[in-house]
């Protein structure tokens, strides 16, 4: 039995938000590595006698990847900051965003 009788869901949910906040950093790290690999590939892959990194559309796609990753990183850091100072069992409680 987890916690009090009929209280297992509350115990489980109390840490779920914190776990989600931690997992997002894994996703951001994987995305950053994927961007690094994409940039290396664009620099080495040749088309029409020059690296595809020289083509404007490829540069735009890489820039969009970078922008999305930085936005996700910023959101992840903000989420982690909101989790700071939570008392035990507060992970699933609604908090003010101000």
PDB file of N, CA and C in Angstrom:
ATOM      1  N   UNK A   1       0.846  -1.166   0.000  1.00  0.00           N
ATOM      2  CA  UNK A   1       0.000   0.000   0.000  1.00  0.00           C
ATOM      3  C   UNK A   1       0.901   1.242   0.000  1.00  0.00           C
ATOM      4  N   UNK A   2       0.536   2.215  -0.821  1.00  0.00           N
ATOM      5  CA  UNK A   2       1.292   3.450  -0.927  1.00  0.00           C
ATOM      6  C   UNK A   2       0.508   4.535  -0.203  1.00  0.00           C
ATOM      7  N   UNK A   3       1.052   5.066   0.894  1.00  0.00           N
ATOM      8  CA  UNK A   3       0.373   6.116   1.646  1.00  0.00           C
ATOM      9  C   UNK A   3      -0.838   5.592   2.395  1.00  0.00           C
ATOM     10  N   UNK A   4      -1.767   6.496   2.637  1.00  0.00           N
ATOM     11  CA  UNK A   4      -2.992   6.131   3.359  1.00  0.00           C
ATOM     12  C   UNK A   4      -3.946   5.386   2.419  1.00  0.00           C
ATOM     13  N   UNK A   5      -4.925   4.755   2.998  1.00  0.00           N
ATOM     14  CA  UNK A   5      -5.946   4.062   2.230  1.00  0.00           C
ATOM     15  C   UNK A   5      -6.632   5.061   1.294  1.00  0.00           C
ATOM     16  N   UNK A   6      -6.739   4.719   0.038  1.00  0.00           N
ATOM     17  CA  UNK A   6      -7.314   5.562  -1.015  1.00  0.00           C
ATOM     18  C   UNK A   6      -6.515   6.851  -1.242  1.00  0.00           C
ATOM     19  N   UNK A   7      -5.237   6.861  -0.867  1.00  0.00           N
ATOM     20  CA  UNK A   7      -4.410   8.050  -1.060  1.00  0.00           C
ATOM     21  C   UNK A   7      -3.232   7.808  -1.989  1.00  0.00           C
ATOM     22  N   UNK A   8      -3.180   6.640  -2.611  1.00  0.00           N
ATOM     23  CA  UNK A   8      -2.049   6.295  -3.471  1.00  0.00           C
ATOM     24  C   UNK A   8      -1.911   7.199  -4.683  1.00  0.00           C
ATOM     25  N   UNK A   9      -3.039   7.594  -5.265  1.00  0.00           N
ATOM     26  CA  UNK A   9      -2.981   8.465  -6.442  1.00  0.00           C
ATOM     27  C   UNK A   9      -2.355   9.808  -6.075  1.00  0.00           C
ATOM     28  N   UNK A  10      -2.709  10.358  -4.930  1.00  0.00           N
ATOM     29  CA  UNK A  10      -2.153  11.638  -4.499  1.00  0.00           C
ATOM     30  C   UNK A  10      -0.644  11.531  -4.292  1.00  0.00           C
ATOM     31  N   UNK A  11      -0.196  10.427  -3.729  1.00  0.00           N
ATOM     32  CA  UNK A  11       1.243  10.236  -3.506  1.00  0.00           C
ATOM     33  C   UNK A  11       1.968  10.130  -4.838  1.00  0.00           C
ATOM     34  N   UNK A  12       1.406   9.353  -5.740  1.00  0.00           N
ATOM     35  CA  UNK A  12       2.030   9.177  -7.052  1.00  0.00           C
ATOM     36  C   UNK A  12       2.067  10.496  -7.817  1.00  0.00           C
ATOM     37  N   UNK A  13       0.978  11.216  -7.825  1.00  0.00           N
ATOM     38  CA  UNK A  13       0.901  12.469  -8.578  1.00  0.00           C
ATOM     39  C   UNK A  13       1.749  13.573  -7.962  1.00  0.00           C
ATOM     40  N   UNK A  14       2.066  13.467  -6.674  1.00  0.00           N
ATOM     41  CA  UNK A  14       2.835  14.518  -6.011  1.00  0.00           C
ATOM     42  C   UNK A  14       4.230  14.671  -6.598  1.00  0.00           C
ATOM     43  N   UNK A  15       4.774  13.637  -7.193  1.00  0.00           N
ATOM     44  CA  UNK A  15       6.098  13.736  -7.780  1.00  0.00           C
ATOM     45  C   UNK A  15       6.104  13.733  -9.287  1.00  0.00           C
ATOM     46  N   UNK A  16       4.958  13.516  -9.901  1.00  0.00           N
ATOM     47  CA  UNK A  16       4.899  13.386 -11.349  1.00  0.00           C
ATOM     48  C   UNK A  16       5.311  14.672 -12.065  1.00  0.00           C
ATOM     49  N   UNK A  17       4.883  15.810 -11.578  1.00  0.00           N
ATOM     50  CA  UNK A  17       5.259  17.072 -12.224  1.00  0.00           C
ATOM     51  C   UNK A  17       6.767  17.294 -12.172  1.00  0.00           C
ATOM     52  N   UNK A  18       7.381  16.935 -11.048  1.00  0.00           N
ATOM     53  CA  UNK A  18       8.834  17.093 -10.933  1.00  0.00           C
ATOM     54  C   UNK A  18       9.554  16.157 -11.892  1.00  0.00           C
ATOM     55  N   UNK A  19       9.045  14.947 -12.040  1.00  0.00           N
ATOM     56  CA  UNK A  19       9.663  14.014 -12.974  1.00  0.00           C
ATOM     57  C   UNK A  19       9.567  14.539 -14.398  1.00  0.00           C
ATOM     58  N   UNK A  20       8.442  15.113 -14.748  1.00  0.00           N
ATOM     59  CA  UNK A  20       8.284  15.687 -16.089  1.00  0.00           C
ATOM     60  C   UNK A  20       9.263  16.831 -16.300  1.00  0.00           C
ATOM     61  N   UNK A  21       9.471  17.639 -15.283  1.00  0.00           N
ATOM     62  CA  UNK A  21      10.408  18.757 -15.394  1.00  0.00           C
ATOM     63  C   UNK A  21      11.830  18.266 -15.620  1.00  0.00           C
ATOM     64  N   UNK A  22      12.185  17.152 -15.023  1.00  0.00           N
ATOM     65  CA  UNK A  22      13.535  16.607 -15.173  1.00  0.00           C
ATOM     66  C   UNK A  22      13.719  15.958 -16.536  1.00  0.00           C
ATOM     67  N   UNK A  23      12.704  15.254 -17.005  1.00  0.00           N
ATOM     68  CA  UNK A  23      12.798  14.541 -18.282  1.00  0.00           C
ATOM     69  C   UNK A  23      12.979  15.513 -19.447  1.00  0.00           C
ATOM     70  N   UNK A  24      12.442  16.713 -19.351  1.00  0.00           N
ATOM     71  CA  UNK A  24      12.548  17.654 -20.464  1.00  0.00           C
ATOM     72  C   UNK A  24      14.006  18.007 -20.762  1.00  0.00           C
ATOM     73  N   UNK A  25      14.874  17.973 -19.751  1.00  0.00           N
ATOM     74  CA  UNK A  25      16.286  18.263 -20.000  1.00  0.00           C
ATOM     75  C   UNK A  25      16.937  17.174 -20.842  1.00  0.00           C
ATOM     76  N   UNK A  26      16.501  15.928 -20.693  1.00  0.00           N
ATOM     77  CA  UNK A  26      16.997  14.851 -21.548  1.00  0.00           C
ATOM     78  C   UNK A  26      16.641  15.129 -23.001  1.00  0.00           C
ATOM     79  N   UNK A  27      15.401  15.535 -23.234  1.00  0.00           N
ATOM     80  CA  UNK A  27      14.951  15.812 -24.594  1.00  0.00           C
ATOM     81  C   UNK A  27      15.725  16.979 -25.204  1.00  0.00           C
ATOM     82  N   UNK A  28      15.980  18.009 -24.428  1.00  0.00           N
ATOM     83  CA  UNK A  28      16.738  19.161 -24.931  1.00  0.00           C
ATOM     84  C   UNK A  28      18.167  18.743 -25.269  1.00  0.00           C
ATOM     85  N   UNK A  29      18.763  17.924 -24.432  1.00  0.00           N
ATOM     86  CA  UNK A  29      20.119  17.448 -24.707  1.00  0.00           C
ATOM     87  C   UNK A  29      20.193  16.613 -25.973  1.00  0.00           C
ATOM     88  N   UNK A  30      19.217  15.746 -26.164  1.00  0.00           N
ATOM     89  CA  UNK A  30      19.176  14.927 -27.374  1.00  0.00           C
ATOM     90  C   UNK A  30      18.993  15.815 -28.600  1.00  0.00           C
ATOM     91  N   UNK A  31      18.134  16.814 -28.494  1.00  0.00           N
ATOM     92  CA  UNK A  31      17.901  17.731 -29.618  1.00  0.00           C
ATOM     93  C   UNK A  31      19.159  18.528 -29.954  1.00  0.00           C
ATOM     94  N   UNK A  32      19.889  18.970 -28.933  1.00  0.00           N
ATOM     95  CA  UNK A  32      21.123  19.723 -29.180  1.00  0.00           C
ATOM     96  C   UNK A  32      22.153  18.859 -29.907  1.00  0.00           C
ATOM     97  N   UNK A  33      22.247  17.601 -29.498  1.00  0.00           N
ATOM     98  CA  UNK A  33      23.183  16.691 -30.170  1.00  0.00           C
ATOM     99  C   UNK A  33      22.748  16.434 -31.611  1.00  0.00           C
ATOM    100  N   UNK A  34      21.445  16.297 -31.829  1.00  0.00           N
ATOM    101  CA  UNK A  34      20.943  16.098 -33.189  1.00  0.00           C
ATOM    102  C   UNK A  34      21.277  17.308 -34.067  1.00  0.00           C
ATOM    103  N   UNK A  35      21.194  18.510 -33.509  1.00  0.00           N
ATOM    104  CA  UNK A  35      21.562  19.710 -34.259  1.00  0.00           C
ATOM    105  C   UNK A  35      23.048  19.696 -34.609  1.00  0.00           C
ATOM    106  N   UNK A  36      23.888  19.322 -33.652  1.00  0.00           N
ATOM    107  CA  UNK A  36      25.327  19.241 -33.918  1.00  0.00           C
ATOM    108  C   UNK A  36      25.622  18.262 -35.054  1.00  0.00           C
ATOM    109  N   UNK A  37      24.980  17.110 -35.014  1.00  0.00           N
ATOM    110  CA  UNK A  37      25.168  16.106 -36.067  1.00  0.00           C
ATOM    111  C   UNK A  37      24.669  16.643 -37.403  1.00  0.00           C
ATOM    112  N   UNK A  38      23.546  17.355 -37.389  1.00  0.00           N
ATOM    113  CA  UNK A  38      22.988  17.927 -38.614  1.00  0.00           C
ATOM    114  C   UNK A  38      23.927  18.955 -39.226  1.00  0.00           C
ATOM    115  N   UNK A  39      24.526  19.776 -38.387  1.00  0.00           N
ATOM    116  CA  UNK A  39      25.468  20.785 -38.878  1.00  0.00           C
ATOM    117  C   UNK A  39      26.696  20.118 -39.490  1.00  0.00           C
ATOM    118  N   UNK A  40      27.231  19.108 -38.808  1.00  0.00           N
ATOM    119  CA  UNK A  40      28.387  18.378 -39.351  1.00  0.00           C
ATOM    120  C   UNK A  40      28.045  17.735 -40.693  1.00  0.00           C
ATOM    121  N   UNK A  41      26.858  17.143 -40.781  1.00  0.00           N
ATOM    122  CA  UNK A  41      26.434  16.511 -42.026  1.00  0.00           C
ATOM    123  C   UNK A  41      26.305  17.552 -43.133  1.00  0.00           C
ATOM    124  N   UNK A  42      25.698  18.690 -42.822  1.00  0.00           N
ATOM    125  CA  UNK A  42      25.513  19.733 -43.829  1.00  0.00           C
ATOM    126  C   UNK A  42      26.853  20.268 -44.337  1.00  0.00           C
ATOM    127  N   UNK A  43      27.850  20.262 -43.476  1.00  0.00           N
ATOM    128  CA  UNK A  43      29.169  20.738 -43.886  1.00  0.00           C
ATOM    129  C   UNK A  43      29.902  19.733 -44.763  1.00  0.00           C
ATOM    130  N   UNK A  44      29.612  18.443 -44.596  1.00  0.00           N
ATOM    131  CA  UNK A  44      30.339  17.413 -45.345  1.00  0.00           C
ATOM    132  C   UNK A  44      29.590  16.909 -46.577  1.00  0.00           C
ATOM    133  N   UNK A  45      28.274  16.949 -46.575  1.00  0.00           N
ATOM    134  CA  UNK A  45      27.477  16.453 -47.702  1.00  0.00           C
ATOM    135  C   UNK A  45      27.598  17.419 -48.865  1.00  0.00           C
ATOM    136  N   UNK A  46      28.003  16.884 -50.005  1.00  0.00           N
ATOM    137  CA  UNK A  46      28.213  17.704 -51.200  1.00  0.00           C
ATOM    138  C   UNK A  46      27.046  17.538 -52.175  1.00  0.00           C
ATOM    139  N   UNK A  47      26.631  18.641 -52.762  1.00  0.00           N
ATOM    140  CA  UNK A  47      25.632  18.642 -53.825  1.00  0.00           C
ATOM    141  C   UNK A  47      26.000  19.765 -54.791  1.00  0.00           C
ATOM    142  N   UNK A  48      26.011  19.460 -56.065  1.00  0.00           N
ATOM    143  CA  UNK A  48      26.400  20.430 -57.092  1.00  0.00           C
ATOM    144  C   UNK A  48      27.793  20.987 -56.830  1.00  0.00           C
ATOM    145  N   UNK A  49      28.663  20.144 -56.265  1.00  0.00           N
ATOM    146  CA  UNK A  49      30.051  20.523 -56.066  1.00  0.00           C
ATOM    147  C   UNK A  49      30.341  21.382 -54.849  1.00  0.00           C
ATOM    148  N   UNK A  50      29.354  21.577 -53.989  1.00  0.00           N
ATOM    149  CA  UNK A  50      29.622  22.365 -52.773  1.00  0.00           C
ATOM    150  C   UNK A  50      28.814  21.790 -51.611  1.00  0.00           C
ATOM    151  N   UNK A  51      29.251  22.069 -50.378  1.00  0.00           N
ATOM    152  CA  UNK A  51      28.531  21.543 -49.203  1.00  0.00           C
ATOM    153  C   UNK A  51      27.101  22.083 -49.146  1.00  0.00           C
ATOM    154  N   UNK A  52      26.164  21.231 -48.724  1.00  0.00           N
ATOM    155  CA  UNK A  52      24.772  21.683 -48.660  1.00  0.00           C
ATOM    156  C   UNK A  52      24.584  22.759 -47.595  1.00  0.00           C
ATOM    157  N   UNK A  53      25.549  22.916 -46.698  1.00  0.00           N
ATOM    158  CA  UNK A  53      25.478  23.985 -45.685  1.00  0.00           C
ATOM    159  C   UNK A  53      25.514  25.367 -46.334  1.00  0.00           C
ATOM    160  N   UNK A  54      25.966  25.442 -47.577  1.00  0.00           N
ATOM    161  CA  UNK A  54      26.008  26.718 -48.286  1.00  0.00           C
ATOM    162  C   UNK A  54      24.650  27.118 -48.858  1.00  0.00           C
ATOM    163  N   UNK A  55      23.695  26.180 -48.877  1.00  0.00           N
ATOM    164  CA  UNK A  55      22.386  26.475 -49.452  1.00  0.00           C
ATOM    165  C   UNK A  55      21.492  27.151 -48.416  1.00  0.00           C
ATOM    166  N   UNK A  56      20.799  28.188 -48.866  1.00  0.00           N
ATOM    167  CA  UNK A  56      19.983  29.004 -47.965  1.00  0.00           C
ATOM    168  C   UNK A  56      18.895  28.194 -47.270  1.00  0.00           C
ATOM    169  N   UNK A  57      18.263  27.255 -47.967  1.00  0.00           N
ATOM    170  CA  UNK A  57      17.184  26.475 -47.354  1.00  0.00           C
ATOM    171  C   UNK A  57      17.707  25.590 -46.228  1.00  0.00           C
ATOM    172  N   UNK A  58      18.877  25.002 -46.427  1.00  0.00           N
ATOM    173  CA  UNK A  58      19.483  24.174 -45.373  1.00  0.00           C
ATOM    174  C   UNK A  58      19.855  25.051 -44.187  1.00  0.00           C
ATOM    175  N   UNK A  59      20.399  26.225 -44.449  1.00  0.00           N
ATOM    176  CA  UNK A  59      20.730  27.151 -43.369  1.00  0.00           C
ATOM    177  C   UNK A  59      19.477  27.557 -42.596  1.00  0.00           C
ATOM    178  N   UNK A  60      18.361  27.763 -43.314  1.00  0.00           N
ATOM    179  CA  UNK A  60      17.105  28.126 -42.655  1.00  0.00           C
ATOM    180  C   UNK A  60      16.603  26.990 -41.769  1.00  0.00           C
ATOM    181  N   UNK A  61      16.700  25.759 -42.262  1.00  0.00           N
ATOM    182  CA  UNK A  61      16.255  24.615 -41.458  1.00  0.00           C
ATOM    183  C   UNK A  61      17.103  24.477 -40.189  1.00  0.00           C
ATOM    184  N   UNK A  62      18.404  24.654 -40.313  1.00  0.00           N
ATOM    185  CA  UNK A  62      19.281  24.568 -39.149  1.00  0.00           C
ATOM    186  C   UNK A  62      18.997  25.699 -38.162  1.00  0.00           C
ATOM    187  N   UNK A  63      18.718  26.882 -38.681  1.00  0.00           N
ATOM    188  CA  UNK A  63      18.393  28.023 -37.813  1.00  0.00           C
ATOM    189  C   UNK A  63      17.079  27.783 -37.075  1.00  0.00           C
ATOM    190  N   UNK A  64      16.095  27.206 -37.756  1.00  0.00           N
ATOM    191  CA  UNK A  64      14.827  26.893 -37.102  1.00  0.00           C
ATOM    192  C   UNK A  64      15.007  25.834 -36.019  1.00  0.00           C
ATOM    193  N   UNK A  65      15.860  24.839 -36.288  1.00  0.00           N
ATOM    194  CA  UNK A  65      16.159  23.824 -35.273  1.00  0.00           C
ATOM    195  C   UNK A  65      16.776  24.476 -34.043  1.00  0.00           C
ATOM    196  N   UNK A  66      17.752  25.343 -34.279  1.00  0.00           N
ATOM    197  CA  UNK A  66      18.425  26.027 -33.172  1.00  0.00           C
ATOM    198  C   UNK A  66      17.435  26.854 -32.350  1.00  0.00           C
ATOM    199  N   UNK A  67      16.563  27.581 -33.036  1.00  0.00           N
ATOM    200  CA  UNK A  67      15.593  28.433 -32.353  1.00  0.00           C
ATOM    201  C   UNK A  67      14.635  27.604 -31.504  1.00  0.00           C
ATOM    202  N   UNK A  68      14.152  26.500 -32.052  1.00  0.00           N
ATOM    203  CA  UNK A  68      13.230  25.627 -31.306  1.00  0.00           C
ATOM    204  C   UNK A  68      13.918  25.019 -30.091  1.00  0.00           C
ATOM    205  N   UNK A  69      15.159  24.622 -30.243  1.00  0.00           N
ATOM    206  CA  UNK A  69      15.904  24.027 -29.129  1.00  0.00           C
ATOM    207  C   UNK A  69      16.136  25.062 -28.030  1.00  0.00           C
ATOM    208  N   UNK A  70      16.503  26.268 -28.399  1.00  0.00           N
ATOM    209  CA  UNK A  70      16.731  27.309 -27.395  1.00  0.00           C
ATOM    210  C   UNK A  70      15.441  27.689 -26.678  1.00  0.00           C
ATOM    211  N   UNK A  71      14.329  27.682 -27.397  1.00  0.00           N
ATOM    212  CA  UNK A  71      13.035  27.956 -26.760  1.00  0.00           C
ATOM    213  C   UNK A  71      12.697  26.850 -25.765  1.00  0.00           C
ATOM    214  N   UNK A  72      12.935  25.608 -26.154  1.00  0.00           N
ATOM    215  CA  UNK A  72      12.674  24.482 -25.253  1.00  0.00           C
ATOM    216  C   UNK A  72      13.597  24.526 -24.040  1.00  0.00           C
ATOM    217  N   UNK A  73      14.845  24.902 -24.259  1.00  0.00           N
ATOM    218  CA  UNK A  73      15.802  25.018 -23.151  1.00  0.00           C
ATOM    219  C   UNK A  73      15.357  26.096 -22.169  1.00  0.00           C
ATOM    220  N   UNK A  74      14.941  27.234 -22.698  1.00  0.00           N
ATOM    221  CA  UNK A  74      14.473  28.320 -21.847  1.00  0.00           C
ATOM    222  C   UNK A  74      13.249  27.907 -21.034  1.00  0.00           C
ATOM    223  N   UNK A  75      12.306  27.241 -21.678  1.00  0.00           N
ATOM    224  CA  UNK A  75      11.109  26.773 -20.991  1.00  0.00           C
ATOM    225  C   UNK A  75      11.472  25.740 -19.920  1.00  0.00           C
ATOM    226  N   UNK A  76      12.426  24.873 -20.224  1.00  0.00           N
ATOM    227  CA  UNK A  76      12.864  23.863 -19.258  1.00  0.00           C
ATOM    228  C   UNK A  76      13.491  24.509 -18.028  1.00  0.00           C
ATOM    229  N   UNK A  77      14.325  25.522 -18.259  1.00  0.00           N
ATOM    230  CA  UNK A  77      14.960  26.212 -17.136  1.00  0.00           C
ATOM    231  C   UNK A  77      13.928  26.950 -16.288  1.00  0.00           C
ATOM    232  N   UNK A  78      12.939  27.549 -16.941  1.00  0.00           N
ATOM    233  CA  UNK A  78      11.872  28.245 -16.199  1.00  0.00           C
ATOM    234  C   UNK A  78      11.068  27.247 -15.378  1.00  0.00           C
ATOM    235  N   UNK A  79      10.780  26.102 -15.953  1.00  0.00           N
ATOM    236  CA  UNK A  79      10.039  25.068 -15.229  1.00  0.00           C
ATOM    237  C   UNK A  79      10.827  24.588 -14.022  1.00  0.00           C
ATOM    238  N   UNK A  80      12.124  24.373 -14.209  1.00  0.00           N
ATOM    239  CA  UNK A  80      12.961  23.938 -13.088  1.00  0.00           C
ATOM    240  C   UNK A  80      13.002  25.000 -11.988  1.00  0.00           C
ATOM    241  N   UNK A  81      13.050  26.268 -12.381  1.00  0.00           N
ATOM    242  CA  UNK A  81      13.060  27.348 -11.394  1.00  0.00           C
ATOM    243  C   UNK A  81      11.763  27.372 -10.588  1.00  0.00           C
ATOM    244  N   UNK A  82      10.652  27.060 -11.244  1.00  0.00           N
ATOM    245  CA  UNK A  82       9.368  27.020 -10.542  1.00  0.00           C
ATOM    246  C   UNK A  82       9.305  25.860  -9.548  1.00  0.00           C
ATOM    247  N   UNK A  83      10.077  24.806  -9.805  1.00  0.00           N
ATOM    248  CA  UNK A  83      10.087  23.642  -8.921  1.00  0.00           C
ATOM    249  C   UNK A  83      10.984  23.852  -7.705  1.00  0.00           C
ATOM    250  N   UNK A  84      11.871  24.828  -7.801  1.00  0.00           N
ATOM    251  CA  UNK A  84      12.809  25.066  -6.704  1.00  0.00           C
ATOM    252  C   UNK A  84      12.058  25.489  -5.441  1.00  0.00           C
ATOM    253  N   UNK A  85      12.431  24.903  -4.342  1.00  0.00           N
ATOM    254  CA  UNK A  85      11.860  25.269  -3.058  1.00  0.00           C
ATOM    255  C   UNK A  85      10.548  24.585  -2.721  1.00  0.00           C
ATOM    256  N   UNK A  86      10.139  23.627  -3.540  1.00  0.00           N
ATOM    257  CA  UNK A  86       8.910  22.899  -3.220  1.00  0.00           C
ATOM    258  C   UNK A  86       9.128  22.015  -1.992  1.00  0.00           C
ATOM    259  N   UNK A  87       8.139  21.963  -1.162  1.00  0.00           N
ATOM    260  CA  UNK A  87       8.188  21.068  -0.009  1.00  0.00           C
ATOM    261  C   UNK A  87       7.849  19.650  -0.471  1.00  0.00           C
ATOM    262  N   UNK A  88       8.170  18.673   0.352  1.00  0.00           N
ATOM    263  CA  UNK A  88       7.871  17.289   0.018  1.00  0.00           C
ATOM    264  C   UNK A  88       6.368  17.123  -0.181  1.00  0.00           C
ATOM    265  N   UNK A  89       6.001  16.512  -1.301  1.00  0.00           N
ATOM    266  CA  UNK A  89       4.597  16.286  -1.605  1.00  0.00           C
ATOM    267  C   UNK A  89       3.922  17.413  -2.356  1.00  0.00           C
ATOM    268  N   UNK A  90       4.625  18.518  -2.618  1.00  0.00           N
ATOM    269  CA  UNK A  90       4.044  19.648  -3.338  1.00  0.00           C
ATOM    270  C   UNK A  90       4.181  19.546  -4.840  1.00  0.00           C
ATOM    271  N   UNK A  91       4.851  18.521  -5.342  1.00  0.00           N
ATOM    272  CA  UNK A  91       5.130  18.420  -6.772  1.00  0.00           C
ATOM    273  C   UNK A  91       3.926  18.415  -7.663  1.00  0.00           C
ATOM    274  N   UNK A  92       2.780  17.932  -7.197  1.00  0.00           N
ATOM    275  CA  UNK A  92       1.593  17.878  -8.025  1.00  0.00           C
ATOM    276  C   UNK A  92       0.638  19.005  -7.766  1.00  0.00           C
ATOM    277  N   UNK A  93       0.979  19.887  -6.850  1.00  0.00           N
ATOM    278  CA  UNK A  93       0.071  20.998  -6.495  1.00  0.00           C
ATOM    279  C   UNK A  93       0.176  22.107  -7.513  1.00  0.00           C
ATOM    280  N   UNK A  94      -0.914  22.783  -7.767  1.00  0.00           N
ATOM    281  CA  UNK A  94      -0.922  23.924  -8.677  1.00  0.00           C
ATOM    282  C   UNK A  94      -0.154  25.068  -8.033  1.00  0.00           C
ATOM    283  N   UNK A  95       0.666  25.745  -8.837  1.00  0.00           N
ATOM    284  CA  UNK A  95       1.452  26.866  -8.337  1.00  0.00           C
ATOM    285  C   UNK A  95       1.189  28.091  -9.171  1.00  0.00           C
ATOM    286  N   UNK A  96       1.403  29.224  -8.587  1.00  0.00           N
ATOM    287  CA  UNK A  96       1.257  30.490  -9.292  1.00  0.00           C
ATOM    288  C   UNK A  96       2.432  30.666 -10.236  1.00  0.00           C
ATOM    289  N   UNK A  97       2.197  31.249 -11.418  1.00  0.00           N
ATOM    290  CA  UNK A  97       3.265  31.472 -12.394  1.00  0.00           C
ATOM    291  C   UNK A  97       3.852  32.870 -12.281  1.00  0.00           C
ATOM    292  N   UNK A  98       3.453  33.630 -11.298  1.00  0.00           N
ATOM    293  CA  UNK A  98       3.971  35.002 -11.192  1.00  0.00           C
ATOM    294  C   UNK A  98       5.249  35.043 -10.398  1.00  0.00           C
TER     295      UNK A  98
END
